[in-house]
Each structure stands twice: as structure tokens, then as C-alpha cells.
Amino acid sequence: MRLGMFMQPVHDPKHDLTKVLADDRETVILADKLGYHEIWVGEHTAATSEPITDPIVFLATLIGETKQIKMGPGVYCLPHHHPAQLAGQAALFDHLSQGRFQMGVGNGSLSSDVELFEVGGDTDRGAMVRESIEHILAIWDGEPPYTREGGFWNIKIEDMGRAEYGVGAFIKPFQKPHPPIAISIMSPSSGSARMAGEHGWIPISGAAFLHPRYTASHWAAYAEGCEKAGRKPDPDIWRVSRSIIVAPSDQEAHDYIMNPDGPLSFWFRYLLSSLRARGLAKFVAPEGHPDPDAMTWQEVAEYQVAWGSPATVVDKLVALRDLTGPFGVLTAMAHEWDDPAFCRRTMTLLAEEVMPVFAQHADGVASAAE
């Protein structure tokens, strides 16, 4: 059992952008020092509430300031980009980081971005994801000339008049045959999860607000994909995300998440507005809630966040694992820093006091089941 981080990120757009980006960078630097295994950073173009427009640019500023943490987009929204562009960017970052790159991909779900790039309506974004990855892998595996025709993009380089100078060729990744590929999963019984299983990609259940019973369906769908491909599913590859707030006492953690002016308040109100607009509020509702459309952000936060003292959080994470089944990486959500000292402390307590106990429990249960 390893500890990772998923940085969406979500920030109150009223806050100073330069400062929140500096705080986000400090979050990654601290995670590296604390031994977090990986960091995934979201990509959103048209939303000042999710202001990292290019995760690779953001993460490139951190290569020299970190030592061991693996880094990657969480996720590249593939329908928004030409695959040749992404193949080059990813290969370059893989070399600059000397193999610390992991490539998260997805279809993109932010409404403003979907509208901006004209991939809404009847557009099959799942088909775009599949085609984009096929192009990217073919670029990394192949040599010029390239003639690939697809339903959404073409990859064509036929003029090889200066091939001896490398003109017409693509740079290849540092890792062989290519960096690990991961795909984000949100909806229950996700087709993306099945796709990950079929292709051997990393499944990331990145929706930390999703009720655990729906998160469990991600693994079932992933296992179906593995079975179809004749591959044995290994839970160690599965990433499961959760918002986690650790404090010296349960009361201090509870007070923090319930602060109406705090980052958890904005995060849950922001997400609920999105889910309600899409008729998906039931997927985050506390167990047995009579009316998901009328529930408050406080009800969701209190139920969905793993909050409390280190001992309490361990118990909540054990309960989460009991509901989802075994997974290999606990991916803690990165939230806005309103109180830097508190936020540094919760990350430290999670890494140093919670994870050793939780990992020992999870690994012990896994060994007993073998």
C-alpha cells in the first residue's frame, strides 16, 4: 500500500492566482519530502476555479525541486489535443524527469472545456480517447514516414528529404517501451475502467467525492476488461482517491472541514453544483439519504471526507477498503491551503502516522487472503 496525491486543483476564484499556484507547488515539494509515491495534476482550460491550464508546464517547474515523486497529468483531456502534440510533450517530460513521468489520460468532463473544444453533444469522446492513444503509441513505437488515418485525427509525415538530420522523426520517451498510462474513472461500471483492464493501463478512481459503493464498481469493470484480454487483475495497480484531513484530535479535524469559509466548503459546493447540473448528485449522497437533490455540502463533507485523529482516520480508511475492496495506492486529494501550518501538518500526519498503520493492515489482509 502506497500513498499518492491527486491535485484537481480547486481554488476559490476570488483568491490570488499567483499565491495559490505557489501553494500548490509547495504541496508537491512537501509530498516529495514525505515520501508520497506520486502526484497527478488536473488539466482545465476555461475555469478559474481549476486554474492549471497545462499540468506539464506546472510539473516541469518541480522536476528540479523534487527527488523521487512520480508526476503526471491527471489527466490529459485527449479530445482537446492533437495526439502528435501530446506524444512529443510527454516524451520530452519523460526525459527531463528521467523516467518519473506517468501519463494520465481521460475524455474531459468540465462543461466549459467541452463546449470550448466543440466535443460535446453526440461526440463520442470515449472513441476519441481510444484513437488518440493508438496514435500516440504508434508514434512512440514507429519510425517515419507516418501515414495514419483516423476518424478524428490524421498523422501524416511523408517528406523524408532531410531524414539524415532527424527531420520528420519524433523523439521517443525515456522509459521503454513507454511511460505508464493511466486513465481516470468516475461513473459507476465505467467503460474507461474496462478499457484500462483491456490495455493494461492504471485505473484511477479519481472522484474522491464518489460513494465507495460506486467506487467498488470501478474495480469490477476493470477486472472485466482484464478478463477479456486474458490478463489477471492485480489490485496493486488500482488508485483510489479520498479527501483526508488528519489533526491531533477528531474535534479539530471536524471544525476544519465544517468551516463555512474554508476550502472544503468551497470544494464541495463547487462539485455539488456540477453534479446537480448533470443529474448525478445521488452518486455522492450519504448512505440512505432521502433526497440527494436537497442535501447540504456539510452532509456530504462529513460523510465523504476521512477526517479525525490519526487513529480515527486509520479506522475510516480501513472501512473504505472494506467497501471498495483491495487497492494499491491511496490517492489523497490536494486541497487549497487556507492555513499553511494546518495543511502541512495534515499531510505529515497522514504520511508518518496514518499510512504506516493502514498499510500494515492492508498488506496483512492481502497476505492472509492469498
Protein backbone atom coordinates (compact mmCIF):
# COMPACT_ATOMS: atom_id res chain seq x y z
CA MET A 1 0.00 0.00 0.00
CA ARG A 2 1.43 3.34 -1.13
CA LEU A 3 0.39 6.96 -0.68
CA GLY A 4 -0.18 9.28 -3.62
CA MET A 5 -1.88 12.61 -4.28
CA PHE A 6 -4.42 13.93 -6.76
CA MET A 7 -4.38 17.69 -7.32
CA GLN A 8 -7.51 18.69 -9.22
CA PRO A 9 -6.89 21.54 -8.20
CA VAL A 10 -9.89 23.55 -6.98
CA HIS A 11 -9.42 27.11 -5.77
CA ASP A 12 -11.84 29.88 -4.93
CA PRO A 13 -11.51 32.18 -7.99
CA LYS A 14 -11.55 35.19 -5.66
CA HIS A 15 -8.12 34.18 -4.34
CA ASP A 16 -4.85 35.41 -5.79
CA LEU A 17 -3.75 33.07 -8.58
CA THR A 18 -0.03 33.57 -8.08
CA LYS A 19 -0.33 32.65 -4.41
CA VAL A 20 -2.49 29.56 -4.88
CA LEU A 21 -0.15 28.25 -7.57
CA ALA A 22 2.80 28.80 -5.21
CA ASP A 23 0.91 26.89 -2.52
CA ASP A 24 0.20 24.07 -4.99
CA ARG A 25 3.91 23.86 -5.79
CA GLU A 26 4.76 23.76 -2.10
CA THR A 27 2.25 20.93 -1.67
CA VAL A 28 4.10 18.82 -4.24
CA ILE A 29 7.52 19.64 -2.77
CA LEU A 30 6.32 18.62 0.71
CA ALA A 31 4.74 15.44 -0.67
CA ASP A 32 8.09 14.50 -2.20
CA LYS A 33 9.92 15.07 1.09
CA LEU A 34 7.33 12.98 2.95
CA GLY A 35 7.71 10.05 0.57
CA TYR A 36 4.45 10.29 -1.36
CA HIS A 37 4.72 7.90 -4.30
CA GLU A 38 3.11 10.07 -6.98
CA ILE A 39 1.24 13.25 -7.85
CA TRP A 40 -1.45 13.62 -10.53
CA VAL A 41 -2.39 17.16 -11.64
CA GLY A 42 -5.57 18.09 -13.49
CA GLU A 43 -5.90 19.98 -16.77
CA HIS A 44 -8.65 22.56 -17.31
CA THR A 45 -8.62 25.37 -19.84
CA ALA A 46 -11.66 27.55 -19.14
CA ALA A 47 -12.24 27.65 -15.37
CA THR A 48 -10.55 30.00 -12.92
CA SER A 49 -11.72 27.64 -10.16
CA GLU A 50 -9.46 24.93 -11.66
CA PRO A 51 -6.64 27.12 -12.94
CA ILE A 52 -3.86 24.76 -14.04
CA THR A 53 -4.29 25.01 -17.79
CA ASP A 54 -1.26 22.83 -18.56
CA PRO A 55 -0.18 20.28 -15.93
CA ILE A 56 3.06 19.53 -17.76
CA VAL A 57 4.15 23.16 -17.59
CA PHE A 58 3.26 23.24 -13.89
CA LEU A 59 5.05 19.98 -13.11
CA ALA A 60 8.12 20.92 -15.16
CA THR A 61 8.80 23.68 -12.62
CA LEU A 62 9.04 20.97 -9.96
CA ILE A 63 11.41 18.48 -11.58
CA GLY A 64 14.48 20.13 -10.07
CA GLU A 65 12.80 20.73 -6.70
CA THR A 66 11.78 17.11 -6.11
CA LYS A 67 13.79 13.90 -5.92
CA GLN A 68 11.63 10.79 -6.07
CA ILE A 69 7.94 11.56 -6.54
CA LYS A 70 6.43 10.38 -9.85
CA MET A 71 4.50 13.06 -11.72
CA GLY A 72 1.93 13.28 -14.45
CA PRO A 73 -1.24 14.88 -15.75
CA GLY A 74 -4.39 13.77 -14.02
CA VAL A 75 -5.40 13.91 -16.76
CA TYR A 76 -4.54 14.95 -20.29
CA CYS A 77 -8.00 15.60 -21.77
CA LEU A 78 -7.31 13.77 -25.02
CA PRO A 79 -10.23 15.10 -27.11
CA HIS A 80 -8.84 18.63 -26.63
CA HIS A 81 -5.42 17.97 -28.22
CA HIS A 82 -3.80 16.64 -31.35
CA PRO A 83 -2.19 13.31 -30.34
CA ALA A 84 1.13 14.13 -32.05
CA GLN A 85 1.47 17.21 -29.83
CA LEU A 86 0.90 15.14 -26.69
CA ALA A 87 3.26 12.39 -27.83
CA GLY A 88 6.04 14.97 -28.12
CA GLN A 89 5.27 16.74 -24.85
CA ALA A 90 5.06 13.51 -22.87
CA ALA A 91 8.30 12.13 -24.31
CA LEU A 92 10.09 15.38 -23.55
CA PHE A 93 8.87 15.48 -19.95
CA ASP A 94 9.81 11.82 -19.50
CA HIS A 95 13.41 12.68 -20.45
CA LEU A 96 13.55 15.85 -18.35
CA SER A 97 12.30 13.93 -15.30
CA GLN A 98 14.47 10.89 -16.12
CA GLY A 99 11.58 8.48 -16.03
CA ARG A 100 9.45 9.93 -13.24
CA PHE A 101 6.61 10.57 -15.70
CA GLN A 102 3.23 8.81 -15.64
CA MET A 103 0.69 9.74 -18.31
CA GLY A 104 -2.85 10.08 -17.06
CA VAL A 105 -5.48 10.38 -19.79
CA GLY A 106 -9.22 10.91 -19.96
CA ASN A 107 -12.04 12.30 -22.03
CA GLY A 108 -12.53 15.59 -20.13
CA SER A 109 -15.78 16.44 -18.40
CA LEU A 110 -15.61 20.14 -17.48
CA SER A 111 -18.59 21.68 -19.25
CA SER A 112 -16.81 24.88 -20.32
CA ASP A 113 -13.91 22.94 -21.86
CA VAL A 114 -16.23 20.52 -23.64
CA GLU A 115 -18.06 23.49 -25.15
CA LEU A 116 -14.84 25.35 -25.98
CA PHE A 117 -13.32 22.46 -27.90
CA GLU A 118 -16.65 21.53 -29.51
CA VAL A 119 -16.60 17.92 -28.30
CA GLY A 120 -19.99 17.86 -26.62
CA GLY A 121 -23.37 16.68 -27.84
CA ASP A 122 -23.18 13.49 -29.87
CA THR A 123 -19.37 13.45 -29.95
CA ASP A 124 -18.05 10.10 -28.79
CA ARG A 125 -15.26 11.30 -26.52
CA GLY A 126 -14.51 7.73 -25.47
CA ALA A 127 -13.76 6.87 -29.10
CA MET A 128 -11.54 9.94 -29.30
CA VAL A 129 -9.57 8.73 -26.26
CA ARG A 130 -9.06 5.30 -27.82
CA GLU A 131 -7.94 6.74 -31.16
CA SER A 132 -5.64 9.32 -29.57
CA ILE A 133 -3.81 6.68 -27.52
CA GLU A 134 -3.46 4.46 -30.59
CA HIS A 135 -1.84 7.35 -32.46
CA ILE A 136 0.46 8.22 -29.55
CA LEU A 137 1.65 4.64 -29.08
CA ALA A 138 2.19 4.27 -32.84
CA ILE A 139 4.30 7.44 -32.87
CA TRP A 140 6.44 6.19 -29.98
CA ASP A 141 6.81 2.72 -31.44
CA GLY A 142 7.23 3.65 -35.09
CA GLU A 143 9.65 5.40 -37.40
CA PRO A 144 8.96 7.87 -40.22
CA PRO A 145 7.38 8.14 -42.67
CA TYR A 146 4.00 8.15 -40.88
CA THR A 147 0.68 7.67 -42.62
CA ARG A 148 -2.12 7.07 -40.15
CA GLU A 149 -5.70 7.98 -40.87
CA GLY A 150 -8.29 8.11 -38.11
CA GLY A 151 -11.82 9.21 -37.51
CA PHE A 152 -10.73 12.33 -35.62
CA TRP A 153 -7.04 12.96 -36.45
CA ASN A 154 -4.52 12.01 -39.09
CA ILE A 155 -0.79 11.51 -38.52
CA LYS A 156 0.99 12.13 -41.79
CA ILE A 157 4.68 12.84 -42.44
CA GLU A 158 5.80 11.64 -45.86
CA ASP A 159 8.51 14.12 -46.88
CA MET A 160 11.74 12.41 -45.80
CA GLY A 161 14.09 14.60 -47.83
CA ARG A 162 16.09 15.56 -44.72
CA ALA A 163 15.74 12.35 -42.75
CA GLU A 164 19.50 12.21 -42.11
CA TYR A 165 19.10 15.32 -39.95
CA GLY A 166 16.20 13.86 -38.00
CA VAL A 167 13.59 15.97 -39.78
CA GLY A 168 10.27 14.12 -39.78
CA ALA A 169 11.07 11.93 -36.75
CA PHE A 170 9.53 12.10 -33.28
CA ILE A 171 11.50 11.95 -30.04
CA LYS A 172 10.90 8.73 -28.08
CA PRO A 173 10.20 8.50 -24.34
CA PHE A 174 12.90 7.88 -21.74
CA GLN A 175 11.03 4.84 -20.36
CA LYS A 176 10.80 1.75 -22.56
CA PRO A 177 8.60 0.87 -24.27
CA HIS A 178 6.77 3.94 -22.97
CA PRO A 179 5.70 5.66 -19.72
CA PRO A 180 2.92 4.06 -17.66
CA ILE A 181 -0.51 5.08 -18.93
CA ALA A 182 -3.36 5.71 -16.51
CA ILE A 183 -7.00 6.58 -17.13
CA SER A 184 -9.37 8.47 -14.86
CA ILE A 185 -12.64 6.83 -13.85
CA MET A 186 -15.74 8.42 -12.36
CA SER A 187 -19.04 6.90 -13.45
CA PRO A 188 -20.17 3.60 -11.93
CA SER A 189 -19.41 0.49 -14.01
CA SER A 190 -17.21 2.73 -16.12
CA GLY A 191 -16.31 1.92 -19.72
CA SER A 192 -12.99 3.66 -19.07
CA ALA A 193 -12.28 1.10 -16.32
CA ARG A 194 -12.92 -1.74 -18.75
CA MET A 195 -10.66 -0.06 -21.31
CA ALA A 196 -7.90 0.17 -18.69
CA GLY A 197 -8.23 -3.54 -17.96
CA GLU A 198 -8.13 -4.46 -21.64
CA HIS A 199 -4.97 -2.45 -22.29
CA GLY A 200 -3.10 -2.90 -19.00
CA TRP A 201 -3.40 0.75 -18.01
CA ILE A 202 -3.52 2.11 -14.45
CA PRO A 203 -7.11 2.69 -13.25
CA ILE A 204 -7.51 5.87 -11.20
CA SER A 205 -10.75 6.27 -9.29
CA GLY A 206 -10.11 9.99 -9.07
CA ALA A 207 -13.59 11.09 -7.96
CA ALA A 208 -12.83 11.39 -4.24
CA PHE A 209 -16.40 12.51 -3.58
CA LEU A 210 -17.98 9.34 -5.02
CA HIS A 211 -19.75 6.99 -2.62
CA PRO A 212 -17.47 3.97 -2.01
CA ARG A 213 -20.09 1.53 -3.28
CA TYR A 214 -19.80 3.15 -6.71
CA THR A 215 -16.02 3.22 -6.49
CA ALA A 216 -16.14 -0.55 -5.94
CA SER A 217 -17.85 -0.92 -9.32
CA HIS A 218 -14.72 0.53 -10.96
CA TRP A 219 -12.70 -2.50 -9.92
CA ALA A 220 -15.38 -4.89 -11.18
CA ALA A 221 -15.36 -3.16 -14.58
CA TYR A 222 -11.54 -3.15 -14.66
CA ALA A 223 -11.47 -6.87 -13.87
CA GLU A 224 -13.91 -7.50 -16.73
CA GLY A 225 -11.54 -5.73 -19.09
CA CYS A 226 -8.60 -7.77 -17.81
CA GLU A 227 -10.56 -10.99 -18.27
CA LYS A 228 -11.41 -10.03 -21.84
CA ALA A 229 -7.71 -9.51 -22.56
CA GLY A 230 -6.65 -12.71 -20.78
CA ARG A 231 -4.88 -10.72 -18.07
CA LYS A 232 -5.08 -11.38 -14.31
CA PRO A 233 -6.22 -8.21 -12.50
CA ASP A 234 -3.79 -7.03 -9.82
CA PRO A 235 -5.33 -4.71 -7.17
CA ASP A 236 -1.89 -3.20 -6.53
CA ILE A 237 -2.28 -1.15 -9.72
CA TRP A 238 -5.57 0.49 -8.63
CA ARG A 239 -5.57 4.07 -7.34
CA VAL A 240 -8.46 5.14 -5.07
CA SER A 241 -8.86 8.83 -4.19
CA ARG A 242 -10.21 10.33 -0.98
CA SER A 243 -10.23 13.68 0.77
CA ILE A 244 -8.35 13.16 4.05
CA ILE A 245 -7.98 15.61 6.92
CA VAL A 246 -5.82 14.50 9.85
CA ALA A 247 -5.45 16.56 13.03
CA PRO A 248 -4.35 15.87 16.60
CA SER A 249 -8.00 15.44 17.64
CA ASP A 250 -11.29 14.49 15.99
CA GLN A 251 -12.80 17.82 17.03
CA GLU A 252 -10.06 19.89 15.39
CA ALA A 253 -10.42 17.95 12.12
CA HIS A 254 -14.21 18.27 12.22
CA ASP A 255 -14.05 22.00 12.87
CA TYR A 256 -11.72 22.39 9.89
CA ILE A 257 -13.90 20.62 7.34
CA MET A 258 -17.07 22.31 8.61
CA ASN A 259 -15.65 25.85 8.36
CA PRO A 260 -18.10 27.64 6.04
CA ASP A 261 -15.28 29.85 4.76
CA GLY A 262 -12.76 27.03 4.36
CA PRO A 263 -11.52 25.18 1.28
CA LEU A 264 -13.62 22.07 1.91
CA SER A 265 -16.75 24.21 1.90
CA PHE A 266 -15.89 25.71 -1.48
CA TRP A 267 -14.77 22.36 -2.91
CA PHE A 268 -17.98 20.52 -2.03
CA ARG A 269 -20.25 23.39 -3.05
CA TYR A 270 -18.41 23.62 -6.37
CA LEU A 271 -18.66 19.89 -7.02
CA LEU A 272 -22.30 19.65 -5.97
CA SER A 273 -23.18 22.45 -8.40
CA SER A 274 -21.57 20.45 -11.21
CA LEU A 275 -23.11 17.12 -10.24
CA ARG A 276 -26.58 18.59 -9.82
CA ALA A 277 -26.36 20.23 -13.23
CA ARG A 278 -25.73 16.77 -14.68
CA GLY A 279 -28.27 14.93 -12.51
CA LEU A 280 -25.55 12.97 -10.70
CA ALA A 281 -26.00 14.11 -7.10
CA LYS A 282 -27.12 10.64 -5.97
CA PHE A 283 -23.63 9.28 -6.57
CA VAL A 284 -22.20 11.33 -3.67
CA ALA A 285 -25.13 11.08 -1.26
CA PRO A 286 -24.55 9.64 2.22
CA GLU A 287 -25.95 6.15 2.70
CA GLY A 288 -29.73 6.23 3.00
CA HIS A 289 -30.11 9.96 2.31
CA PRO A 290 -33.79 10.58 1.47
CA ASP A 291 -33.29 13.40 -1.04
CA PRO A 292 -29.87 13.80 -2.69
CA ASP A 293 -31.01 16.91 -4.56
CA ALA A 294 -31.67 18.67 -1.25
CA MET A 295 -28.60 17.53 0.72
CA THR A 296 -26.18 20.12 2.04
CA TRP A 297 -22.46 20.31 1.39
CA GLN A 298 -21.95 19.75 5.12
CA GLU A 299 -23.74 16.39 4.96
CA VAL A 300 -21.58 15.24 2.07
CA ALA A 301 -18.32 16.53 3.56
CA GLU A 302 -18.90 14.95 6.96
CA TYR A 303 -19.72 11.60 5.34
CA GLN A 304 -17.21 11.51 2.49
CA VAL A 305 -14.03 13.03 4.00
CA ALA A 306 -11.82 10.73 6.04
CA TRP A 307 -11.35 13.14 8.95
CA GLY A 308 -10.18 12.88 12.54
CA SER A 309 -7.18 12.00 14.65
CA PRO A 310 -4.62 9.57 13.18
CA ALA A 311 -6.32 6.62 14.86
CA THR A 312 -9.76 7.69 13.68
CA VAL A 313 -8.57 8.21 10.11
CA VAL A 314 -6.96 4.76 10.07
CA ASP A 315 -10.32 3.27 11.08
CA LYS A 316 -12.10 5.22 8.33
CA LEU A 317 -9.60 4.14 5.69
CA VAL A 318 -9.94 0.52 6.79
CA ALA A 319 -13.72 0.89 6.42
CA LEU A 320 -13.22 2.44 2.98
CA ARG A 321 -11.09 -0.50 1.89
CA ASP A 322 -13.69 -2.92 3.23
CA LEU A 323 -16.27 -1.26 0.95
CA THR A 324 -14.15 -0.89 -2.18
CA GLY A 325 -12.01 -4.00 -1.91
CA PRO A 326 -8.18 -4.06 -2.08
CA PHE A 327 -6.31 -1.27 -3.85
CA GLY A 328 -2.63 -0.43 -4.13
CA VAL A 329 -2.39 3.36 -3.86
CA LEU A 330 -4.39 5.65 -1.61
CA THR A 331 -4.56 8.91 -3.53
CA ALA A 332 -5.17 11.82 -1.15
CA MET A 333 -6.85 14.87 -2.64
CA ALA A 334 -4.84 18.08 -2.51
CA HIS A 335 -6.96 20.98 -1.27
CA GLU A 336 -6.36 24.71 -1.16
CA TRP A 337 -4.11 25.94 1.64
CA ASP A 338 -6.02 28.41 3.77
CA ASP A 339 -3.92 27.67 6.87
CA PRO A 340 -0.44 26.56 5.71
CA ALA A 341 0.61 25.24 9.12
CA PHE A 342 -2.54 23.11 9.43
CA CYS A 343 -2.24 21.84 5.85
CA ARG A 344 1.41 20.88 6.23
CA ARG A 345 0.58 19.10 9.47
CA THR A 346 -2.30 17.08 7.99
CA MET A 347 -0.07 15.92 5.11
CA THR A 348 2.66 14.99 7.57
CA LEU A 349 0.35 13.13 9.94
CA LEU A 350 -1.12 11.22 7.03
CA ALA A 351 2.30 10.16 5.75
CA GLU A 352 4.00 9.47 9.08
CA GLU A 353 1.28 8.26 11.45
CA VAL A 354 -1.69 7.07 9.38
CA MET A 355 -0.15 5.35 6.37
CA PRO A 356 2.27 3.01 8.20
CA VAL A 357 -0.63 1.59 10.23
CA PHE A 358 -3.08 1.49 7.33
CA ALA A 359 -0.51 -0.08 5.00
CA GLN A 360 0.35 -2.73 7.59
CA HIS A 361 -3.34 -3.59 7.95
CA ALA A 362 -3.99 -3.64 4.19
CA ASP A 363 -0.90 -5.68 3.39
CA GLY A 364 -1.67 -8.11 6.22
CA VAL A 365 -5.21 -8.67 4.99
CA ALA A 366 -3.93 -9.15 1.44
CA SER A 367 -1.36 -11.74 2.60
CA ALA A 368 -3.96 -13.65 4.59
CA ALA A 369 -6.21 -13.82 1.53
CA GLU A 370 -3.52 -15.37 -0.68
